[in-house]
Amino acid sequence: METVDLARLQFALTAGAHFLFVALTLGLATLVAVLQTRATLTRSPIHLRMTRFWGQLYIINYAMGIVTGLVMEFQFGMSWSGLTHFAGNVFGAALAIETLVAFFIESTFLGLWIFGWDRLNRWAHLALIWIVTLTAYASAFWILIANGFLQNPVGHEVVNGVLQLNDFGALTANPASLVAFGHVLSGAMVVGGFFMAGVSAYHLRRRTREQEFFRKSLRIGLALALPATLVAGVFGGLGFATMQPTKTAAWSGSAQELAQVQADMVARFGPGDYLPPVELVRTAGVVMMLLFVVMLVFSAVSFLLMLFRPAVRGLRIWHWLLTAMIPVPFVTMLAGWVFREVGRQPWVVYGLLTTQDAMSHVTPLEMRVSLIAFSAVFGLLIVVNYWLLARHARRGPDAVALGSRPAETPAPALTF
C-alpha cells in the first residue's frame, strides 16, 4: 500500500499541475478568439493589440501545458500498467482521439496562427484561432470521456479478463463525462475571465498610460467571469446526481449512511474497505463550494462596478482585490478535482478495478525516486510558467513580440 500511495501522490501532483495549465489555456483561447473576431470585423487597432497581448500570454501557458501533458501520459505505462492492460481497449480509445486532436490538429493550427500574422488573409488567420479554440474544447471533451468512464464505466464487456469496447455511443453519452465537461469548460472560462480582469486591474492600479486598453480588457474579463461562474455552479449541481454511492456517503458524513454503503459494497464485491477518505473528500468539497460563493459574489459586485468609468479608472482597492483574486479560480478547480477523484477511491475503474490492482510492479524505492524527480521537474515548470506569465503581463502591450514585424536590416554598403 505504501507503493500505491506514492504512485497516487505522484499522479495527483502531475495531473493537478497539468490541470492548472489546461484551465487557463481553455479560458484564454476563448478570449483571444473573441478579441480577434472583434478586431477582424471592425478593423479596430486596439482590439488587434489586445489579441496580440493576451495571445502571447496564452502561448506561454500552452507551451508549458504540452510538456506537463506528455509527462502525465507516460505515467500510465510507468506506474499504472494494470489499468492499461485491463481497460486500455476502452479507456485508451478516448485518449488516442484526444492525442490526435491536441497534438496534430490543435498544435498545427496554433503554429500557423503564430507565424501567420501579416502573412495570411485576415479571415483565414481568424479561422485559425477558432480552429485552435474548438480543438482545445474537443481535447478536453475526450479527456473527460476517458475520465467519465473511470467514474461510471459504460459501453464495455469483459472478454478474457479485459474490457472491450462494445458501445461507442454509450461511452460518448456517459452522463458522468458530459456533466463534467460542462463543469470544467465553464470553470476554465472563470479562470480566464478572472485572469484577464486581474492583470488589467494591476495595470490600472499603477496608473498605466494604456487606460483604454486595460479598461476594455477588464470589462471583457468580468463580462465572462460572472456568467461562467453561474454556469459552472449549474453543472456542479448536476454533477451531484452522477456521483457514486460511496462518494455521496463520504460527502454527507453520515455514519449510518457510510456503514450502509460499506455493507452493500462488501455484499457485492467481498471483504474490503470500500470507503474513500471521508475527511479529505468533505474538506475538498467544502473548499470548492466556499470559494464558488466568494467568486460569485465578487464577480457580481465587480460586474456592477465596471459599469461606472470612475470606478474602473480609479478605485484602487477594487483593483488590488481583482489582482488578488487571480489564484482563487485555480484553487477552486483543484479542490473540485480532488473531490471528484479521491471520492472514487479505492477504485480506478469504479466497481471493476481497484487502485492496488492497477499498479505496475515497482518497488517503494523506485516510486520514491520517481516521485522526487517528477515533483522537482513539475515544480520548476510551474515556477517558470508563472514567472514568464507575470513578467510578460507586467510589461504590457508595448513589449509584445507576437505578430510584430521584424526590423529590416539595412543592406550593406558597397565598397570598391
Protein backbone atom coordinates (compact mmCIF):
# COMPACT_ATOMS: atom_id res chain seq x y z
CA MET A 1 0.00 0.00 0.00
CA GLU A 2 2.95 2.35 0.55
CA THR A 3 3.88 1.99 -3.13
CA VAL A 4 0.29 2.55 -4.21
CA ASP A 5 0.03 5.71 -2.11
CA LEU A 6 3.30 7.05 -3.54
CA ALA A 7 2.13 6.33 -7.10
CA ARG A 8 -1.20 8.04 -6.41
CA LEU A 9 0.56 11.06 -4.95
CA GLN A 10 2.85 11.29 -7.97
CA PHE A 11 -0.03 11.14 -10.43
CA ALA A 12 -2.02 13.63 -8.34
CA LEU A 13 0.84 16.14 -8.42
CA THR A 14 1.47 15.81 -12.15
CA ALA A 15 -2.21 15.74 -13.15
CA GLY A 16 -3.01 18.63 -10.83
CA ALA A 17 -0.18 20.71 -12.26
CA HIS A 18 -1.29 19.92 -15.81
CA PHE A 19 -4.88 20.81 -14.90
CA LEU A 20 -3.78 24.32 -13.91
CA PHE A 21 -2.28 24.92 -17.35
CA VAL A 22 -5.30 23.44 -19.13
CA ALA A 23 -7.80 25.62 -17.30
CA LEU A 24 -6.04 28.86 -18.23
CA THR A 25 -5.40 27.65 -21.79
CA LEU A 26 -9.10 26.98 -22.43
CA GLY A 27 -10.16 30.31 -20.95
CA LEU A 28 -7.56 32.44 -22.70
CA ALA A 29 -8.04 30.71 -26.06
CA THR A 30 -11.72 31.65 -25.98
CA LEU A 31 -11.00 35.26 -25.04
CA VAL A 32 -8.30 35.64 -27.70
CA ALA A 33 -10.63 34.20 -30.36
CA VAL A 34 -13.38 36.66 -29.38
CA LEU A 35 -10.96 39.59 -29.38
CA GLN A 36 -9.60 38.70 -32.81
CA THR A 37 -13.14 38.30 -34.15
CA ARG A 38 -13.94 41.83 -32.99
CA ALA A 39 -10.69 43.14 -34.47
CA THR A 40 -11.32 41.41 -37.80
CA LEU A 41 -14.92 42.56 -38.13
CA THR A 42 -14.33 46.18 -37.13
CA ARG A 43 -10.65 46.63 -38.04
CA SER A 44 -10.20 48.05 -34.54
CA PRO A 45 -6.50 48.69 -33.82
CA ILE A 46 -6.94 48.43 -30.05
CA HIS A 47 -8.67 45.04 -30.27
CA LEU A 48 -5.89 43.83 -32.54
CA ARG A 49 -3.34 44.91 -29.93
CA MET A 50 -5.40 43.18 -27.25
CA THR A 51 -5.41 40.00 -29.33
CA ARG A 52 -1.63 40.05 -29.54
CA PHE A 53 -1.05 40.84 -25.87
CA TRP A 54 -3.40 38.21 -24.45
CA GLY A 55 -2.45 35.80 -27.24
CA GLN A 56 1.18 35.93 -26.18
CA LEU A 57 0.24 35.02 -22.60
CA TYR A 58 -1.89 32.18 -23.97
CA ILE A 59 1.03 30.79 -25.99
CA ILE A 60 3.37 30.81 -22.97
CA ASN A 61 0.86 28.85 -20.91
CA TYR A 62 0.01 26.48 -23.77
CA ALA A 63 3.65 25.51 -24.27
CA MET A 64 4.07 24.53 -20.63
CA GLY A 65 0.78 22.62 -20.70
CA ILE A 66 2.00 20.46 -23.57
CA VAL A 67 5.14 19.48 -21.63
CA THR A 68 3.21 18.51 -18.49
CA GLY A 69 0.60 16.62 -20.51
CA LEU A 70 3.22 14.47 -22.20
CA VAL A 71 4.82 13.55 -18.87
CA MET A 72 1.45 12.69 -17.36
CA GLU A 73 0.60 10.26 -20.17
CA PHE A 74 3.92 8.45 -19.71
CA GLN A 75 2.84 7.55 -16.19
CA PHE A 76 0.09 5.27 -17.45
CA GLY A 77 2.77 2.89 -18.70
CA MET A 78 5.27 3.52 -15.90
CA SER A 79 3.05 3.27 -12.83
CA TRP A 80 -0.38 2.06 -13.94
CA SER A 81 0.19 -0.78 -16.37
CA GLY A 82 -2.62 -2.75 -14.69
CA LEU A 83 -5.08 -0.06 -15.78
CA THR A 84 -3.85 -0.01 -19.37
CA HIS A 85 -3.88 -3.83 -19.56
CA PHE A 86 -7.39 -4.20 -18.13
CA ALA A 87 -9.17 -1.15 -19.56
CA GLY A 88 -6.85 0.17 -22.27
CA ASN A 89 -9.10 -1.02 -25.10
CA VAL A 90 -11.86 1.30 -23.83
CA PHE A 91 -10.07 3.96 -21.81
CA GLY A 92 -7.26 4.23 -24.37
CA ALA A 93 -9.63 4.88 -27.29
CA ALA A 94 -10.65 8.26 -25.90
CA LEU A 95 -7.04 9.14 -25.06
CA ALA A 96 -5.94 8.23 -28.59
CA ILE A 97 -8.54 10.54 -30.12
CA GLU A 98 -7.52 13.30 -27.72
CA THR A 99 -3.89 12.88 -28.76
CA LEU A 100 -4.79 13.20 -32.44
CA VAL A 101 -6.87 16.30 -31.75
CA ALA A 102 -4.42 18.03 -29.41
CA PHE A 103 -1.05 17.20 -30.90
CA PHE A 104 -1.83 17.02 -34.59
CA ILE A 105 -4.69 19.43 -35.21
CA GLU A 106 -4.53 21.96 -32.38
CA SER A 107 -0.74 22.32 -32.36
CA THR A 108 -0.52 22.52 -36.15
CA PHE A 109 -3.10 25.28 -36.47
CA LEU A 110 -1.67 27.13 -33.48
CA GLY A 111 1.70 27.17 -35.23
CA LEU A 112 0.07 28.56 -38.36
CA TRP A 113 -1.66 31.23 -36.27
CA ILE A 114 1.56 32.25 -34.51
CA PHE A 115 3.59 32.58 -37.70
CA GLY A 116 0.73 33.72 -39.94
CA TRP A 117 0.46 37.31 -38.71
CA ASP A 118 0.57 39.71 -41.70
CA ARG A 119 1.21 36.74 -43.98
CA LEU A 120 -2.29 35.27 -44.26
CA ASN A 121 -5.59 36.80 -45.22
CA ARG A 122 -7.22 38.26 -42.07
CA TRP A 123 -10.25 35.97 -42.39
CA ALA A 124 -8.05 32.91 -42.83
CA HIS A 125 -6.00 33.99 -39.82
CA LEU A 126 -9.19 34.42 -37.77
CA ALA A 127 -10.33 30.95 -38.80
CA LEU A 128 -7.07 29.52 -37.44
CA ILE A 129 -7.61 30.77 -33.88
CA TRP A 130 -11.17 29.45 -33.87
CA ILE A 131 -9.94 26.04 -35.04
CA VAL A 132 -7.37 26.12 -32.23
CA THR A 133 -10.06 27.03 -29.70
CA LEU A 134 -12.57 24.41 -30.86
CA THR A 135 -9.93 21.68 -30.94
CA ALA A 136 -8.94 22.68 -27.40
CA TYR A 137 -12.57 22.10 -26.40
CA ALA A 138 -12.50 18.77 -28.25
CA SER A 139 -9.32 17.76 -26.45
CA ALA A 140 -10.92 18.49 -23.08
CA PHE A 141 -14.04 16.61 -24.16
CA TRP A 142 -12.17 13.39 -24.94
CA ILE A 143 -10.12 13.57 -21.77
CA LEU A 144 -13.35 13.80 -19.80
CA ILE A 145 -14.86 10.94 -21.80
CA ALA A 146 -11.91 8.85 -20.56
CA ASN A 147 -12.26 10.15 -17.01
CA GLY A 148 -16.03 9.68 -17.05
CA PHE A 149 -15.52 6.03 -17.96
CA LEU A 150 -13.37 5.60 -14.85
CA GLN A 151 -16.11 7.21 -12.78
CA ASN A 152 -19.04 5.41 -14.41
CA PRO A 153 -17.89 2.56 -16.72
CA VAL A 154 -20.33 2.07 -19.61
CA GLY A 155 -20.22 0.71 -23.16
CA HIS A 156 -17.99 -2.26 -22.42
CA GLU A 157 -17.92 -6.01 -21.94
CA VAL A 158 -15.38 -8.28 -20.25
CA VAL A 159 -13.61 -10.64 -22.66
CA ASN A 160 -10.89 -12.98 -21.35
CA GLY A 161 -10.44 -10.85 -18.24
CA VAL A 162 -10.05 -7.50 -20.01
CA LEU A 163 -12.52 -4.85 -21.11
CA GLN A 164 -13.58 -4.47 -24.72
CA LEU A 165 -15.49 -1.52 -26.15
CA ASN A 166 -18.89 -2.65 -27.45
CA ASP A 167 -20.93 0.58 -27.47
CA PHE A 168 -19.09 3.72 -28.55
CA GLY A 169 -22.30 5.74 -28.33
CA ALA A 170 -22.76 4.85 -24.67
CA LEU A 171 -19.15 5.79 -23.98
CA THR A 172 -19.55 9.26 -25.51
CA ALA A 173 -23.00 9.85 -23.98
CA ASN A 174 -21.89 8.96 -20.46
CA PRO A 175 -23.59 11.45 -18.08
CA ALA A 176 -20.53 11.42 -15.81
CA SER A 177 -18.49 12.72 -18.76
CA LEU A 178 -20.91 15.22 -20.27
CA VAL A 179 -21.75 16.97 -17.00
CA ALA A 180 -18.06 17.09 -16.08
CA PHE A 181 -17.21 18.58 -19.49
CA GLY A 182 -19.70 21.40 -18.99
CA HIS A 183 -18.41 21.98 -15.47
CA VAL A 184 -14.73 22.01 -16.44
CA LEU A 185 -15.25 24.15 -19.55
CA SER A 186 -17.28 26.78 -17.69
CA GLY A 187 -14.73 26.64 -14.85
CA ALA A 188 -11.98 27.36 -17.37
CA MET A 189 -13.92 30.42 -18.56
CA VAL A 190 -13.99 31.59 -14.94
CA VAL A 191 -10.22 31.15 -14.74
CA GLY A 192 -9.67 33.07 -17.98
CA GLY A 193 -12.07 35.85 -17.03
CA PHE A 194 -10.55 36.44 -13.60
CA PHE A 195 -7.04 36.26 -15.06
CA MET A 196 -7.78 38.92 -17.68
CA ALA A 197 -9.57 41.14 -15.18
CA GLY A 198 -6.84 40.73 -12.57
CA VAL A 199 -3.96 41.55 -14.90
CA SER A 200 -5.87 44.55 -16.26
CA ALA A 201 -6.60 45.76 -12.71
CA TYR A 202 -2.87 45.53 -11.92
CA HIS A 203 -2.07 47.97 -14.73
CA LEU A 204 -4.96 50.29 -13.90
CA ARG A 205 -3.88 50.41 -10.27
CA ARG A 206 -0.43 51.53 -11.41
CA ARG A 207 -1.98 54.33 -13.48
CA THR A 208 -0.88 52.91 -16.82
CA ARG A 209 -0.86 55.03 -19.94
CA GLU A 210 -2.83 52.25 -21.66
CA GLN A 211 -6.08 53.23 -19.96
CA GLU A 212 -8.43 52.32 -22.80
CA PHE A 213 -6.63 49.04 -23.46
CA PHE A 214 -6.93 47.75 -19.91
CA ARG A 215 -10.37 49.24 -19.22
CA LYS A 216 -11.73 47.23 -22.15
CA SER A 217 -9.81 44.12 -21.09
CA LEU A 218 -11.08 44.37 -17.51
CA ARG A 219 -14.67 44.66 -18.67
CA ILE A 220 -14.36 41.75 -21.08
CA GLY A 221 -12.85 39.56 -18.36
CA LEU A 222 -15.60 40.37 -15.87
CA ALA A 223 -18.31 40.05 -18.54
CA LEU A 224 -17.14 36.45 -18.98
CA ALA A 225 -16.42 35.63 -15.34
CA LEU A 226 -19.90 36.26 -13.92
CA PRO A 227 -22.00 34.15 -16.35
CA ALA A 228 -19.31 31.46 -16.43
CA THR A 229 -19.42 31.20 -12.63
CA LEU A 230 -23.20 30.77 -12.77
CA VAL A 231 -22.96 28.09 -15.47
CA ALA A 232 -20.21 26.28 -13.54
CA GLY A 233 -22.48 26.25 -10.49
CA VAL A 234 -25.34 24.74 -12.50
CA PHE A 235 -23.17 21.95 -13.93
CA GLY A 236 -21.64 21.39 -10.50
CA GLY A 237 -25.11 20.86 -9.07
CA LEU A 238 -25.96 18.42 -11.86
CA GLY A 239 -22.74 16.58 -11.12
CA PHE A 240 -24.01 15.53 -7.69
CA ALA A 241 -26.63 13.38 -9.44
CA THR A 242 -23.87 11.36 -11.16
CA MET A 243 -21.80 10.66 -8.02
CA GLN A 244 -21.11 7.13 -6.80
CA PRO A 245 -22.90 6.00 -3.61
CA THR A 246 -19.61 5.85 -1.68
CA LYS A 247 -18.73 9.43 -2.65
CA THR A 248 -22.22 10.62 -1.75
CA ALA A 249 -21.94 8.98 1.65
CA ALA A 250 -18.50 10.49 2.23
CA TRP A 251 -19.81 13.93 1.32
CA SER A 252 -22.77 13.63 3.67
CA GLY A 253 -20.56 12.40 6.52
CA SER A 254 -23.45 10.39 7.96
CA ALA A 255 -22.09 7.44 9.95
CA GLN A 256 -25.26 5.47 9.23
CA GLU A 257 -25.06 6.09 5.50
CA LEU A 258 -21.34 5.25 5.42
CA ALA A 259 -21.97 1.97 7.25
CA GLN A 260 -24.81 1.07 4.89
CA VAL A 261 -22.77 1.77 1.76
CA GLN A 262 -19.81 -0.21 3.14
CA ALA A 263 -22.10 -3.17 3.86
CA ASP A 264 -23.60 -3.00 0.37
CA MET A 265 -20.14 -2.95 -1.25
CA VAL A 266 -18.92 -5.88 0.85
CA ALA A 267 -22.00 -7.88 -0.15
CA ARG A 268 -21.32 -7.06 -3.81
CA PHE A 269 -17.53 -7.34 -4.03
CA GLY A 270 -16.43 -9.28 -0.96
CA PRO A 271 -14.43 -8.23 2.12
CA GLY A 272 -12.51 -4.94 1.99
CA ASP A 273 -12.63 -1.25 2.82
CA TYR A 274 -14.64 0.48 0.09
CA LEU A 275 -14.97 3.93 1.64
CA PRO A 276 -12.93 6.87 0.33
CA PRO A 277 -11.03 9.16 2.75
CA VAL A 278 -14.07 10.89 4.23
CA GLU A 279 -12.34 13.95 5.70
CA LEU A 280 -10.37 14.70 2.54
CA VAL A 281 -13.47 14.39 0.35
CA ARG A 282 -15.53 16.62 2.64
CA THR A 283 -12.75 19.21 3.01
CA ALA A 284 -12.21 19.43 -0.74
CA GLY A 285 -15.95 19.76 -1.35
CA VAL A 286 -16.38 22.46 1.29
CA VAL A 287 -13.41 24.46 -0.04
CA MET A 288 -14.78 24.20 -3.58
CA MET A 289 -18.22 25.45 -2.56
CA LEU A 290 -17.00 28.24 -0.30
CA LEU A 291 -14.69 29.60 -3.00
CA PHE A 292 -17.51 29.31 -5.54
CA VAL A 293 -19.64 31.57 -3.35
CA VAL A 294 -16.75 34.03 -2.98
CA MET A 295 -16.25 34.16 -6.76
CA LEU A 296 -19.96 34.50 -7.45
CA VAL A 297 -20.44 37.39 -5.02
CA PHE A 298 -17.22 39.12 -6.03
CA SER A 299 -17.89 38.80 -9.77
CA ALA A 300 -21.46 40.10 -9.31
CA VAL A 301 -20.27 43.17 -7.39
CA SER A 302 -17.44 43.71 -9.87
CA PHE A 303 -19.87 43.45 -12.78
CA LEU A 304 -21.82 46.36 -11.32
CA LEU A 305 -18.69 48.40 -10.58
CA MET A 306 -17.36 48.02 -14.11
CA LEU A 307 -20.39 49.91 -15.42
CA PHE A 308 -19.02 53.09 -13.82
CA ARG A 309 -15.98 54.55 -15.57
CA PRO A 310 -14.64 56.41 -12.49
CA ALA A 311 -14.56 53.09 -10.58
CA VAL A 312 -12.78 51.32 -13.43
CA ARG A 313 -10.20 54.09 -13.66
CA GLY A 314 -9.56 54.95 -10.03
CA LEU A 315 -10.97 52.53 -7.43
CA ARG A 316 -7.59 51.18 -6.38
CA ILE A 317 -8.80 48.89 -3.56
CA TRP A 318 -11.02 47.14 -6.10
CA HIS A 319 -8.08 46.86 -8.49
CA TRP A 320 -5.98 45.30 -5.75
CA LEU A 321 -8.74 42.80 -4.89
CA LEU A 322 -9.20 41.86 -8.54
CA THR A 323 -5.50 41.07 -8.85
CA ALA A 324 -5.57 39.10 -5.59
CA MET A 325 -8.48 37.04 -6.96
CA ILE A 326 -6.44 35.59 -9.85
CA PRO A 327 -5.41 32.39 -7.98
CA VAL A 328 -8.86 31.75 -6.46
CA PRO A 329 -10.41 30.01 -9.52
CA PHE A 330 -7.30 27.80 -9.79
CA VAL A 331 -7.62 26.70 -6.16
CA THR A 332 -11.36 26.11 -6.64
CA MET A 333 -10.78 23.85 -9.64
CA LEU A 334 -8.10 21.88 -7.83
CA ALA A 335 -10.41 21.40 -4.85
CA GLY A 336 -13.14 20.16 -7.18
CA TRP A 337 -10.72 17.80 -8.89
CA VAL A 338 -9.64 16.32 -5.52
CA PHE A 339 -13.31 15.94 -4.56
CA ARG A 340 -14.08 14.09 -7.81
CA GLU A 341 -11.03 11.83 -7.95
CA VAL A 342 -10.38 11.00 -4.29
CA GLY A 343 -14.07 10.30 -3.82
CA ARG A 344 -13.79 7.42 -6.31
CA GLN A 345 -11.28 5.54 -4.18
CA PRO A 346 -10.43 2.71 -3.74
CA TRP A 347 -11.44 2.19 -7.38
CA VAL A 348 -9.60 3.24 -10.52
CA VAL A 349 -12.42 1.91 -12.73
CA TYR A 350 -15.38 2.12 -10.39
CA GLY A 351 -16.66 -1.31 -9.43
CA LEU A 352 -14.28 -3.10 -11.81
CA LEU A 353 -10.62 -2.41 -10.94
CA THR A 354 -9.11 -1.26 -7.67
CA THR A 355 -6.22 1.17 -7.44
CA GLN A 356 -4.00 -1.50 -5.96
CA ASP A 357 -4.67 -3.91 -8.84
CA ALA A 358 -3.98 -1.15 -11.38
CA MET A 359 -0.40 -0.61 -10.13
CA SER A 360 2.70 -1.62 -12.08
CA HIS A 361 5.25 -3.92 -10.42
CA VAL A 362 7.56 -1.28 -8.97
CA THR A 363 9.35 -1.12 -5.63
CA PRO A 364 8.84 1.58 -2.99
CA LEU A 365 12.38 2.86 -3.64
CA GLU A 366 11.69 3.23 -7.37
CA MET A 367 8.48 5.12 -6.62
CA ARG A 368 10.25 7.43 -4.15
CA VAL A 369 12.95 8.30 -6.67
CA SER A 370 10.36 8.81 -9.39
CA LEU A 371 8.18 10.95 -7.13
CA ILE A 372 11.10 13.21 -6.14
CA ALA A 373 12.19 13.60 -9.77
CA PHE A 374 8.69 14.32 -11.09
CA SER A 375 7.93 16.74 -8.26
CA ALA A 376 11.15 18.66 -8.84
CA VAL A 377 10.60 18.94 -12.59
CA PHE A 378 6.96 19.91 -12.31
CA GLY A 379 7.65 22.38 -9.54
CA LEU A 380 10.25 24.02 -11.75
CA LEU A 381 7.87 24.10 -14.72
CA ILE A 382 5.14 25.75 -12.66
CA VAL A 383 7.53 28.38 -11.29
CA VAL A 384 8.96 29.12 -14.75
CA ASN A 385 5.50 29.30 -16.33
CA TYR A 386 4.03 31.73 -13.85
CA TRP A 387 7.24 33.77 -13.77
CA LEU A 388 7.04 34.14 -17.54
CA LEU A 389 3.33 34.96 -17.39
CA ALA A 390 3.88 37.57 -14.67
CA ARG A 391 6.90 39.05 -16.47
CA HIS A 392 5.13 39.48 -19.81
CA ALA A 393 1.88 40.58 -18.16
CA ARG A 394 3.72 43.34 -16.26
CA ARG A 395 5.48 44.59 -19.37
CA GLY A 396 2.22 45.45 -21.05
CA PRO A 397 1.22 45.58 -24.74
CA ASP A 398 4.22 47.63 -25.92
CA ALA A 399 6.59 44.71 -25.31
CA VAL A 400 4.58 42.07 -27.20
CA ALA A 401 6.55 40.03 -29.71
CA LEU A 402 3.61 38.05 -31.14
CA GLY A 403 2.70 39.36 -34.57
CA SER A 404 5.35 42.09 -34.58
CA ARG A 405 7.23 42.67 -37.77
CA PRO A 406 10.99 42.08 -37.58
CA ALA A 407 13.09 45.17 -38.04
CA GLU A 408 14.52 45.37 -41.51
CA THR A 409 18.28 45.01 -41.70
CA PRO A 410 19.82 47.68 -43.93
CA ALA A 411 21.68 46.38 -46.92
CA PRO A 412 25.47 46.57 -46.54
CA ALA A 413 27.14 49.45 -48.36
CA LEU A 414 29.07 48.50 -51.46
CA THR A 415 32.77 49.31 -51.27
CA PHE A 416 35.31 49.24 -54.04
